C-alpha atoms as a PDB file:
ATOM      1  CA  MET A   1      11.855-111.422 -84.965  1.00  0.00           C
ATOM      2  CA  LEU A   2      11.813-108.704 -82.300  1.00  0.00           C
ATOM      3  CA  LYS A   3      12.950-110.019 -78.924  1.00  0.00           C
ATOM      4  CA  GLN A   4      11.539-108.624 -75.709  1.00  0.00           C
ATOM      5  CA  THR A   5      14.897-106.997 -74.930  1.00  0.00           C
ATOM      6  CA  ASP A   6      15.257-105.377 -78.395  1.00  0.00           C
ATOM      7  CA  MET A   7      14.178-101.845 -79.264  1.00  0.00           C
ATOM      8  CA  SER A   8      12.595-100.716 -82.514  1.00  0.00           C
ATOM      9  CA  VAL A   9      12.828 -97.427 -84.379  1.00  0.00           C
ATOM     10  CA  TYR A  10      10.644 -96.765 -87.425  1.00  0.00           C
ATOM     11  CA  TRP A  11      12.294 -94.225 -89.702  1.00  0.00           C
ATOM     12  CA  ILE A  12      10.925 -92.311 -92.670  1.00  0.00           C
ATOM     13  CA  THR A  13      12.786 -89.951 -94.934  1.00  0.00           C
ATOM     14  CA  ASP A  14      12.315 -87.868 -98.082  1.00  0.00           C
ATOM     15  CA  VAL A  15       8.538 -87.796 -98.411  1.00  0.00           C
ATOM     16  CA  HIS A  16       8.598 -84.783-100.802  1.00  0.00           C
ATOM     17  CA  LEU A  17       4.931 -83.815-100.630  1.00  0.00           C
ATOM     18  CA  LYS A  18       3.724 -81.656-103.497  1.00  0.00           C
ATOM     19  CA  ASP A  19       0.147 -80.856-102.553  1.00  0.00           C
ATOM     20  CA  HIS A  20      -1.141 -79.637-105.910  1.00  0.00           C
ATOM     21  CA  VAL A  21      -0.464 -83.014-107.592  1.00  0.00           C
ATOM     22  CA  THR A  22      -1.414 -85.320-104.688  1.00  0.00           C
ATOM     23  CA  GLY A  23      -3.564 -88.176-105.967  1.00  0.00           C
ATOM     24  CA  ARG A  24      -3.258 -86.959-109.578  1.00  0.00           C
ATOM     25  CA  PRO A  25      -0.715 -89.127-111.442  1.00  0.00           C
ATOM     26  CA  GLU A  26      -1.732 -87.541-114.752  1.00  0.00           C
ATOM     27  CA  ALA A  27      -1.034 -83.980-113.594  1.00  0.00           C
ATOM     28  CA  GLU A  28       1.896 -82.000-114.940  1.00  0.00           C
ATOM     29  CA  GLY A  29       4.841 -82.362-112.573  1.00  0.00           C
ATOM     30  CA  ALA A  30       3.351 -85.401-110.799  1.00  0.00           C
ATOM     31  CA  VAL A  31       6.402 -87.516-111.692  1.00  0.00           C
ATOM     32  CA  TYR A  32      10.038 -86.522-112.034  1.00  0.00           C
ATOM     33  CA  GLY A  33      12.503 -89.373-112.435  1.00  0.00           C
ATOM     34  CA  GLU A  34      12.032 -91.717-109.492  1.00  0.00           C
ATOM     35  CA  ARG A  35      10.004 -89.099-107.614  1.00  0.00           C
ATOM     36  CA  HIS A  36       6.309 -89.971-107.675  1.00  0.00           C
ATOM     37  CA  PHE A  37       4.921 -86.865-105.997  1.00  0.00           C
ATOM     38  CA  TYR A  38       1.271 -87.797-106.497  1.00  0.00           C
ATOM     39  CA  ALA A  39       1.789 -90.948-104.366  1.00  0.00           C
ATOM     40  CA  SER A  40       3.601 -89.391-101.394  1.00  0.00           C
ATOM     41  CA  LEU A  41       0.637 -88.603 -99.167  1.00  0.00           C
ATOM     42  CA  ASP A  42      -0.906 -92.059 -99.553  1.00  0.00           C
ATOM     43  CA  LYS A  43       2.400 -93.689 -98.591  1.00  0.00           C
ATOM     44  CA  LEU A  44       2.745 -91.362 -95.615  1.00  0.00           C
ATOM     45  CA  ARG A  45      -0.788 -92.200 -94.442  1.00  0.00           C
ATOM     46  CA  GLN A  46       0.040 -95.913 -94.561  1.00  0.00           C
ATOM     47  CA  SER A  47       3.218 -95.239 -92.575  1.00  0.00           C
ATOM     48  CA  VAL A  48       1.144 -93.709 -89.807  1.00  0.00           C
ATOM     49  CA  ASP A  49      -1.221 -96.682 -89.826  1.00  0.00           C
ATOM     50  CA  ILE A  50       1.717 -99.079 -89.531  1.00  0.00           C
ATOM     51  CA  VAL A  51       3.199 -97.125 -86.619  1.00  0.00           C
ATOM     52  CA  ASN A  52      -0.101 -97.014 -84.763  1.00  0.00           C
ATOM     53  CA  ILE A  53      -0.609-100.762 -85.138  1.00  0.00           C
ATOM     54  CA  GLU A  54       2.942-101.913 -84.412  1.00  0.00           C
ATOM     55  CA  LYS A  55       3.847 -99.296 -81.769  1.00  0.00           C
ATOM     56  CA  PRO A  56       7.640 -98.954 -82.133  1.00  0.00           C
ATOM     57  CA  ASP A  57       9.691 -97.387 -79.366  1.00  0.00           C
ATOM     58  CA  LEU A  58      10.443 -94.338 -81.532  1.00  0.00           C
ATOM     59  CA  VAL A  59       9.597 -92.804 -84.909  1.00  0.00           C
ATOM     60  CA  VAL A  60      12.095 -90.543 -86.680  1.00  0.00           C
ATOM     61  CA  CYS A  61      11.691 -88.440 -89.823  1.00  0.00           C
ATOM     62  CA  THR A  62      14.899 -87.149 -91.410  1.00  0.00           C
ATOM     63  CA  GLY A  63      13.393 -84.417 -93.505  1.00  0.00           C
ATOM     64  CA  ASP A  64      12.510 -83.247 -96.991  1.00  0.00           C
ATOM     65  CA  VAL A  65       8.830 -83.681 -96.236  1.00  0.00           C
ATOM     66  CA  ILE A  66       7.925 -81.105 -98.906  1.00  0.00           C
ATOM     67  CA  GLU A  67       9.267 -80.659-102.436  1.00  0.00           C
ATOM     68  CA  VAL A  68       8.491 -77.004-103.150  1.00  0.00           C
ATOM     69  CA  LYS A  69       7.588 -73.891-101.191  1.00  0.00           C
ATOM     70  CA  GLN A  70       4.272 -74.745 -99.521  1.00  0.00           C
ATOM     71  CA  SER A  71       2.770 -75.316 -96.105  1.00  0.00           C
ATOM     72  CA  LEU A  72       3.825 -78.390 -94.143  1.00  0.00           C
ATOM     73  CA  GLY A  73       0.174 -78.817 -93.159  1.00  0.00           C
ATOM     74  CA  SER A  74      -0.442 -82.071 -95.029  1.00  0.00           C
ATOM     75  CA  PHE A  75       2.630 -83.610 -93.413  1.00  0.00           C
ATOM     76  CA  VAL A  76       1.878 -82.276 -89.920  1.00  0.00           C
ATOM     77  CA  GLU A  77      -1.680 -83.628 -90.075  1.00  0.00           C
ATOM     78  CA  GLN A  78      -0.324 -87.162 -90.547  1.00  0.00           C
ATOM     79  CA  TRP A  79       2.653 -86.694 -88.202  1.00  0.00           C
ATOM     80  CA  ASP A  80       0.300 -85.659 -85.425  1.00  0.00           C
ATOM     81  CA  ARG A  81      -1.702 -88.866 -85.906  1.00  0.00           C
ATOM     82  CA  MET A  82       1.281 -91.004 -84.926  1.00  0.00           C
ATOM     83  CA  GLU A  83       0.826 -92.570 -81.506  1.00  0.00           C
ATOM     84  CA  ALA A  84       4.511 -92.998 -80.645  1.00  0.00           C
ATOM     85  CA  PRO A  85       7.427 -90.908 -79.391  1.00  0.00           C
ATOM     86  CA  LYS A  86       8.722 -88.900 -82.368  1.00  0.00           C
ATOM     87  CA  ALA A  87      11.748 -86.938 -83.538  1.00  0.00           C
ATOM     88  CA  PHE A  88      12.066 -84.758 -86.641  1.00  0.00           C
ATOM     89  CA  VAL A  89      14.798 -82.868 -88.458  1.00  0.00           C
ATOM     90  CA  LEU A  90      14.370 -80.729 -91.547  1.00  0.00           C
ATOM     91  CA  GLY A  91      15.980 -81.183 -94.953  1.00  0.00           C
ATOM     92  CA  ASN A  92      17.050 -78.732 -97.630  1.00  0.00           C
ATOM     93  CA  HIS A  93      13.675 -78.831 -99.426  1.00  0.00           C
ATOM     94  CA  ASP A  94      11.870 -78.003 -96.181  1.00  0.00           C
ATOM     95  CA  LEU A  95      13.857 -74.778 -96.055  1.00  0.00           C
ATOM     96  CA  GLU A  96      11.909 -73.690 -99.159  1.00  0.00           C
ATOM     97  CA  ALA A  97       9.173 -72.827 -96.664  1.00  0.00           C
ATOM     98  CA  GLY A  98      11.681 -70.991 -94.434  1.00  0.00           C
ATOM     99  CA  TYR A  99      13.258 -72.150 -91.181  1.00  0.00           C
ATOM    100  CA  ASP A 100      10.910 -70.132 -88.965  1.00  0.00           C
ATOM    101  CA  ALA A 101       7.862 -71.438 -90.826  1.00  0.00           C
ATOM    102  CA  VAL A 102       8.985 -75.046 -90.346  1.00  0.00           C
ATOM    103  CA  VAL A 103       9.626 -74.412 -86.642  1.00  0.00           C
ATOM    104  CA  ASN A 104       6.159 -72.914 -86.229  1.00  0.00           C
ATOM    105  CA  GLU A 105       4.275 -75.549 -88.219  1.00  0.00           C
ATOM    106  CA  MET A 106       6.015 -78.380 -86.382  1.00  0.00           C
ATOM    107  CA  GLY A 107       5.186 -76.713 -83.055  1.00  0.00           C
ATOM    108  CA  TYR A 108       8.841 -76.330 -82.063  1.00  0.00           C
ATOM    109  CA  GLN A 109       8.667 -72.643 -81.052  1.00  0.00           C
ATOM    110  CA  ASP A 110       9.371 -73.390 -77.396  1.00  0.00           C
ATOM    111  CA  ARG A 111      12.168 -75.887 -77.943  1.00  0.00           C
ATOM    112  CA  LEU A 112      15.670 -75.016 -76.874  1.00  0.00           C
ATOM    113  CA  GLU A 113      17.881 -73.808 -79.709  1.00  0.00           C
ATOM    114  CA  ILE A 114      21.080 -75.875 -79.749  1.00  0.00           C
ATOM    115  CA  ALA A 115      23.982 -74.948 -82.052  1.00  0.00           C
ATOM    116  CA  GLY A 116      21.717 -72.734 -84.138  1.00  0.00           C
ATOM    117  CA  SER A 117      18.741 -75.057 -84.536  1.00  0.00           C
ATOM    118  CA  ARG A 118      15.601 -76.022 -82.623  1.00  0.00           C
ATOM    119  CA  PHE A 119      15.764 -79.397 -84.382  1.00  0.00           C
ATOM    120  CA  ASN A 120      19.056 -80.404 -82.789  1.00  0.00           C
ATOM    121  CA  CYS A 121      18.420 -82.628 -79.795  1.00  0.00           C
ATOM    122  CA  SER A 122      19.847 -85.503 -77.776  1.00  0.00           C
ATOM    123  CA  PHE A 123      17.901 -87.976 -75.651  1.00  0.00           C
ATOM    124  CA  VAL A 124      17.934 -91.526 -74.327  1.00  0.00           C
ATOM    125  CA  LEU A 125      15.676 -94.276 -75.591  1.00  0.00           C
ATOM    126  CA  ARG A 126      15.445 -96.894 -72.869  1.00  0.00           C
ATOM    127  CA  ASN A 127      13.777-100.167 -71.971  1.00  0.00           C
ATOM    128  CA  ASP A 128      14.244-102.389 -68.915  1.00  0.00           C
ATOM    129  CA  GLU A 129      17.505-103.822 -70.285  1.00  0.00           C
ATOM    130  CA  PHE A 130      19.536-101.014 -71.875  1.00  0.00           C
ATOM    131  CA  GLY A 131      19.574 -97.492 -73.250  1.00  0.00           C
ATOM    132  CA  ILE A 132      20.400 -95.942 -76.621  1.00  0.00           C
ATOM    133  CA  ARG A 133      21.672 -92.398 -77.126  1.00  0.00           C
ATOM    134  CA  CYS A 134      19.650 -90.778 -79.930  1.00  0.00           C
ATOM    135  CA  ILE A 135      20.991 -87.577 -81.471  1.00  0.00           C
ATOM    136  CA  VAL A 136      19.180 -85.542 -84.114  1.00  0.00           C
ATOM    137  CA  LEU A 137      21.435 -83.232 -86.142  1.00  0.00           C
ATOM    138  CA  ASP A 138      20.407 -80.335 -88.392  1.00  0.00           C
ATOM    139  CA  THR A 139      22.986 -80.310 -91.209  1.00  0.00           C
ATOM    140  CA  TYR A 140      21.969 -76.926 -92.681  1.00  0.00           C
ATOM    141  CA  VAL A 141      23.344 -74.504 -90.091  1.00  0.00           C
ATOM    142  CA  GLY A 142      26.327 -72.492 -91.315  1.00  0.00           C
ATOM    143  CA  GLU A 143      29.358 -71.245 -89.411  1.00  0.00           C
ATOM    144  CA  ASP A 144      27.519 -67.958 -88.782  1.00  0.00           C
ATOM    145  CA  GLY A 145      24.794 -69.853 -86.907  1.00  0.00           C
ATOM    146  CA  LYS A 146      22.213 -69.168 -89.617  1.00  0.00           C
ATOM    147  CA  HIS A 147      20.492 -71.641 -91.891  1.00  0.00           C
ATOM    148  CA  ARG A 148      21.940 -72.162 -95.350  1.00  0.00           C
ATOM    149  CA  TYR A 149      19.445 -71.823 -98.174  1.00  0.00           C
ATOM    150  CA  GLY A 150      19.765 -72.932-101.787  1.00  0.00           C
ATOM    151  CA  THR A 151      22.304 -75.698-101.198  1.00  0.00           C
ATOM    152  CA  CYS A 152      22.293 -79.499-101.068  1.00  0.00           C
ATOM    153  CA  GLU A 153      25.563 -79.721 -99.127  1.00  0.00           C
ATOM    154  CA  GLY A 154      25.383 -80.742 -95.495  1.00  0.00           C
ATOM    155  CA  THR A 155      27.690 -79.241 -92.891  1.00  0.00           C
ATOM    156  CA  ILE A 156      28.634 -79.507 -89.230  1.00  0.00           C
ATOM    157  CA  GLY A 157      29.547 -76.043 -87.962  1.00  0.00           C
ATOM    158  CA  ALA A 158      31.920 -75.433 -85.059  1.00  0.00           C
ATOM    159  CA  GLN A 159      29.109 -75.076 -82.514  1.00  0.00           C
ATOM    160  CA  ALA A 160      27.389 -78.230 -83.744  1.00  0.00           C
ATOM    161  CA  PHE A 161      30.644 -80.185 -83.688  1.00  0.00           C
ATOM    162  CA  GLU A 162      31.377 -79.088 -80.135  1.00  0.00           C
ATOM    163  CA  TRP A 163      27.869 -80.146 -79.096  1.00  0.00           C
ATOM    164  CA  LEU A 164      28.188 -83.518 -80.870  1.00  0.00           C
ATOM    165  CA  GLU A 165      31.572 -84.144 -79.296  1.00  0.00           C
ATOM    166  CA  GLN A 166      30.166 -83.493 -75.823  1.00  0.00           C
ATOM    167  CA  GLU A 167      27.095 -85.669 -76.345  1.00  0.00           C
ATOM    168  CA  MET A 168      28.949 -88.574 -77.914  1.00  0.00           C
ATOM    169  CA  THR A 169      31.935 -88.726 -75.588  1.00  0.00           C
ATOM    170  CA  ALA A 170      30.126 -88.023 -72.308  1.00  0.00           C
ATOM    171  CA  CYS A 171      27.044 -90.194 -72.733  1.00  0.00           C
ATOM    172  CA  PRO A 172      27.100 -93.464 -70.764  1.00  0.00           C
ATOM    173  CA  GLU A 173      25.166 -95.363 -73.450  1.00  0.00           C
ATOM    174  CA  SER A 174      27.215 -97.754 -75.585  1.00  0.00           C
ATOM    175  CA  VAL A 175      25.023 -97.346 -78.695  1.00  0.00           C
ATOM    176  CA  ILE A 176      24.582 -94.009 -80.489  1.00  0.00           C
ATOM    177  CA  LEU A 177      22.056 -93.411 -83.260  1.00  0.00           C
ATOM    178  CA  LEU A 178      22.804 -90.141 -85.070  1.00  0.00           C
ATOM    179  CA  PHE A 179      19.956 -89.058 -87.362  1.00  0.00           C
ATOM    180  CA  SER A 180      20.507 -86.355 -89.985  1.00  0.00           C
ATOM    181  CA  HIS A 181      19.107 -85.379 -93.350  1.00  0.00           C
ATOM    182  CA  ASN A 182      22.425 -85.407 -95.187  1.00  0.00           C
ATOM    183  CA  GLY A 183      24.600 -88.450 -94.654  1.00  0.00           C
ATOM    184  CA  ILE A 184      28.013 -87.564 -93.276  1.00  0.00           C
ATOM    185  CA  GLU A 185      29.528 -90.441 -95.244  1.00  0.00           C
ATOM    186  CA  GLY A 186      27.172 -90.119 -98.218  1.00  0.00           C
ATOM    187  CA  PRO A 187      28.139 -88.973-101.730  1.00  0.00           C
ATOM    188  CA  GLU A 188      30.913 -86.374-101.596  1.00  0.00           C
ATOM    189  CA  GLU A 189      28.863 -83.656-103.291  1.00  0.00           C
ATOM    190  CA  TYR A 190      26.277 -83.814-100.505  1.00  0.00           C
ATOM    191  CA  PHE A 191      28.504 -83.187 -97.482  1.00  0.00           C
ATOM    192  CA  ASP A 192      31.360 -80.826 -96.729  1.00  0.00           C
ATOM    193  CA  ARG A 193      34.381 -83.143 -96.940  1.00  0.00           C
ATOM    194  CA  ARG A 194      36.340 -81.222 -94.307  1.00  0.00           C
ATOM    195  CA  HIS A 195      33.520 -81.650 -91.821  1.00  0.00           C
ATOM    196  CA  ALA A 196      33.075 -85.315 -92.750  1.00  0.00           C
ATOM    197  CA  ALA A 197      36.785 -85.963 -92.100  1.00  0.00           C
ATOM    198  CA  GLN A 198      36.625 -84.092 -88.796  1.00  0.00           C
ATOM    199  CA  PHE A 199      33.598 -86.116 -87.730  1.00  0.00           C
ATOM    200  CA  ARG A 200      35.287 -89.367 -88.749  1.00  0.00           C
ATOM    201  CA  GLU A 201      38.123 -88.635 -86.349  1.00  0.00           C
ATOM    202  CA  LEU A 202      35.594 -87.956 -83.595  1.00  0.00           C
ATOM    203  CA  ALA A 203      33.864 -91.230 -84.469  1.00  0.00           C
ATOM    204  CA  ARG A 204      37.206 -93.028 -84.243  1.00  0.00           C
ATOM    205  CA  ARG A 205      37.785 -91.707 -80.726  1.00  0.00           C
ATOM    206  CA  VAL A 206      34.255 -92.494 -79.599  1.00  0.00           C
ATOM    207  CA  THR A 207      34.156 -96.033 -80.975  1.00  0.00           C
ATOM    208  CA  THR A 208      37.694 -96.856 -79.786  1.00  0.00           C
ATOM    209  CA  ASN A 209      36.287 -96.435 -76.285  1.00  0.00           C
ATOM    210  CA  GLY A 210      33.802 -99.248 -76.878  1.00  0.00           C
ATOM    211  CA  LYS A 211      30.763 -97.471 -78.296  1.00  0.00           C
ATOM    212  CA  LYS A 212      28.896 -98.331 -81.497  1.00  0.00           C
ATOM    213  CA  LEU A 213      27.887 -95.410 -83.720  1.00  0.00           C
ATOM    214  CA  TYR A 214      25.339 -95.346 -86.533  1.00  0.00           C
ATOM    215  CA  ASN A 215      24.629 -92.342 -88.780  1.00  0.00           C
ATOM    216  CA  LEU A 216      21.160 -92.745 -90.314  1.00  0.00           C
ATOM    217  CA  ALA A 217      20.331 -90.302 -93.102  1.00  0.00           C
ATOM    218  CA  GLY A 218      18.328 -89.609 -96.223  1.00  0.00           C
ATOM    219  CA  HIS A 219      18.752 -86.937 -98.915  1.00  0.00           C
ATOM    220  CA  HIS A 220      20.482 -89.198-101.449  1.00  0.00           C
ATOM    221  CA  HIS A 221      17.418 -91.101-102.633  1.00  0.00           C
ATOM    222  CA  VAL A 222      17.944 -94.832-102.197  1.00  0.00           C
ATOM    223  CA  HIS A 223      15.384 -97.398-103.384  1.00  0.00           C
ATOM    224  CA  PRO A 224      14.252-100.151-102.953  1.00  0.00           C
ATOM    225  CA  HIS A 225      16.821-101.135-100.289  1.00  0.00           C
ATOM    226  CA  PRO A 226      18.890 -99.076 -97.852  1.00  0.00           C
ATOM    227  CA  GLU A 227      22.622 -98.661 -98.466  1.00  0.00           C
ATOM    228  CA  VAL A 228      24.993 -99.588 -95.644  1.00  0.00           C
ATOM    229  CA  LYS A 229      28.628 -98.497 -95.421  1.00  0.00           C
ATOM    230  CA  GLN A 230      31.034 -99.704 -92.742  1.00  0.00           C
ATOM    231  CA  VAL A 231      33.164 -96.607 -92.225  1.00  0.00           C
ATOM    232  CA  LEU A 232      35.137 -97.845 -89.203  1.00  0.00           C
ATOM    233  CA  PRO A 233      34.887-101.134 -87.271  1.00  0.00           C
ATOM    234  CA  HIS A 234      32.148 -99.678 -85.038  1.00  0.00           C
ATOM    235  CA  TYR A 235      30.989 -96.677 -87.100  1.00  0.00           C
ATOM    236  CA  THR A 236      28.330 -97.454 -89.710  1.00  0.00           C
ATOM    237  CA  PHE A 237      26.546 -95.180 -92.189  1.00  0.00           C
ATOM    238  CA  VAL A 238      23.037 -96.101 -93.352  1.00  0.00           C
ATOM    239  CA  ASN A 239      21.236 -94.328 -96.197  1.00  0.00           C
ATOM    240  CA  GLY A 240      17.539 -95.059 -95.715  1.00  0.00           C
ATOM    241  CA  VAL A 241      14.959 -95.850 -98.378  1.00  0.00           C
ATOM    242  CA  ALA A 242      13.349 -92.646 -99.679  1.00  0.00           C
ATOM    243  CA  MET A 243       9.568 -92.613 -99.380  1.00  0.00           C
ATOM    244  CA  ILE A 244       9.212 -90.531-102.562  1.00  0.00           C
ATOM    245  CA  ALA A 245      10.792 -93.201-104.748  1.00  0.00           C
ATOM    246  CA  GLY A 246       8.357 -95.088-106.965  1.00  0.00           C
ATOM    247  CA  THR A 247       4.737 -96.013-106.366  1.00  0.00           C
ATOM    248  CA  CYS A 248       5.858 -98.573-103.792  1.00  0.00           C
ATOM    249  CA  SER A 249       8.391 -97.646-101.127  1.00  0.00           C
ATOM    250  CA  ALA A 250       9.057 -98.360 -97.464  1.00  0.00           C
ATOM    251  CA  VAL A 251       9.298 -97.338 -93.862  1.00  0.00           C
ATOM    252  CA  ASN A 252      12.798 -98.205 -92.639  1.00  0.00           C
ATOM    253  CA  VAL A 253      12.628-100.488 -89.611  1.00  0.00           C
ATOM    254  CA  LEU A 254      15.575-100.508 -87.211  1.00  0.00           C
ATOM    255  CA  THR A 255      15.902-103.206 -84.570  1.00  0.00           C
ATOM    256  CA  ILE A 256      18.589-102.573 -81.963  1.00  0.00           C
ATOM    257  CA  GLN A 257      19.830-105.363 -79.721  1.00  0.00           C
ATOM    258  CA  LYS A 258      21.356-105.021 -76.279  1.00  0.00           C
ATOM    259  CA  ASP A 259      24.870-105.694 -77.638  1.00  0.00           C
ATOM    260  CA  GLY A 260      24.512-102.793 -80.085  1.00  0.00           C
ATOM    261  CA  THR A 261      23.816-104.873 -83.177  1.00  0.00           C
ATOM    262  CA  LEU A 262      21.534-103.045 -85.622  1.00  0.00           C
ATOM    263  CA  HIS A 263      19.220-104.917 -87.981  1.00  0.00           C
ATOM    264  CA  ILE A 264      17.568-103.038 -90.847  1.00  0.00           C
ATOM    265  CA  GLY A 265      14.257-104.121 -92.296  1.00  0.00           C
ATOM    266  CA  SER A 266      11.305-102.408 -93.954  1.00  0.00           C
ATOM    267  CA  LYS A 267       7.534-102.104 -94.078  1.00  0.00           C
ATOM    268  CA  GLU A 268       6.036-101.629 -97.522  1.00  0.00           C
ATOM    269  CA  VAL A 269       3.894 -98.585 -98.315  1.00  0.00           C
ATOM    270  CA  LYS A 270       2.344 -97.971-101.713  1.00  0.00           C
ATOM    271  CA  TYR A 271      -0.065 -96.015-103.863  1.00  0.00           C
ATOM    272  CA  PRO A 272      -3.039 -95.965-103.786  1.00  0.00           C
ATOM    273  CA  TYR A 273      -4.001 -95.913-100.137  1.00  0.00           C
ATOM    274  CA  PRO A 274      -6.016 -99.073 -99.341  1.00  0.00           C
ATOM    275  CA  GLU A 275      -9.511 -97.895 -98.427  1.00  0.00           C
END
């Protein structure tokens, strides 16, 4: 049960909208493995309804909101309905539309570009009792500062690492939530192992100084429950439930306590949308 001093973050990932099969389970390409493309929009609509009723402190989407090259319009229409503070980072499938197109459709044209991406950002989520450092990391910027297309491997370039190091070491908050599409400690084929090792050493330094660090990511489709990996005593990796998976999936619900303890729950969303 949420205490008055706790904070809540509702987190969605891997929606994989495919507009031409939405609401058509019989259509060719409507299902591929665990991906039920026809059901994605209905589950997303329910997610928005849940957010607007329950009013969490923050909503985060960690990308792959589309499956193929198409407009993000159907996602943006629902995203804009959410009546809560929001943060978004793109995934590899979103790059099918092109980085500039995603920036424009999300309305991020005027945002500051940090380490090669307008999706990189750092801010404090605060209530009357404590604050949480929230960092959103774009894992598809290469060493040349340009976005990497046609790959599923996440990276942390030199500029991004320098920025992360500054944000994580200098922030006064004792709890850090790092959201990314690719999980830094996820399956080896989905993240540059050199960069993961480099980040782990940074995490060791940060958490040795008394901070708690959580990397919350999607990409590697997990269902029906999130996967949790204790990397270091105070560095935890969480792979969230993918919204695309099955006809019934979930919004990931994070409850953060003042002492930095993170509880992970869920809110069910399913097809069809309840009229």
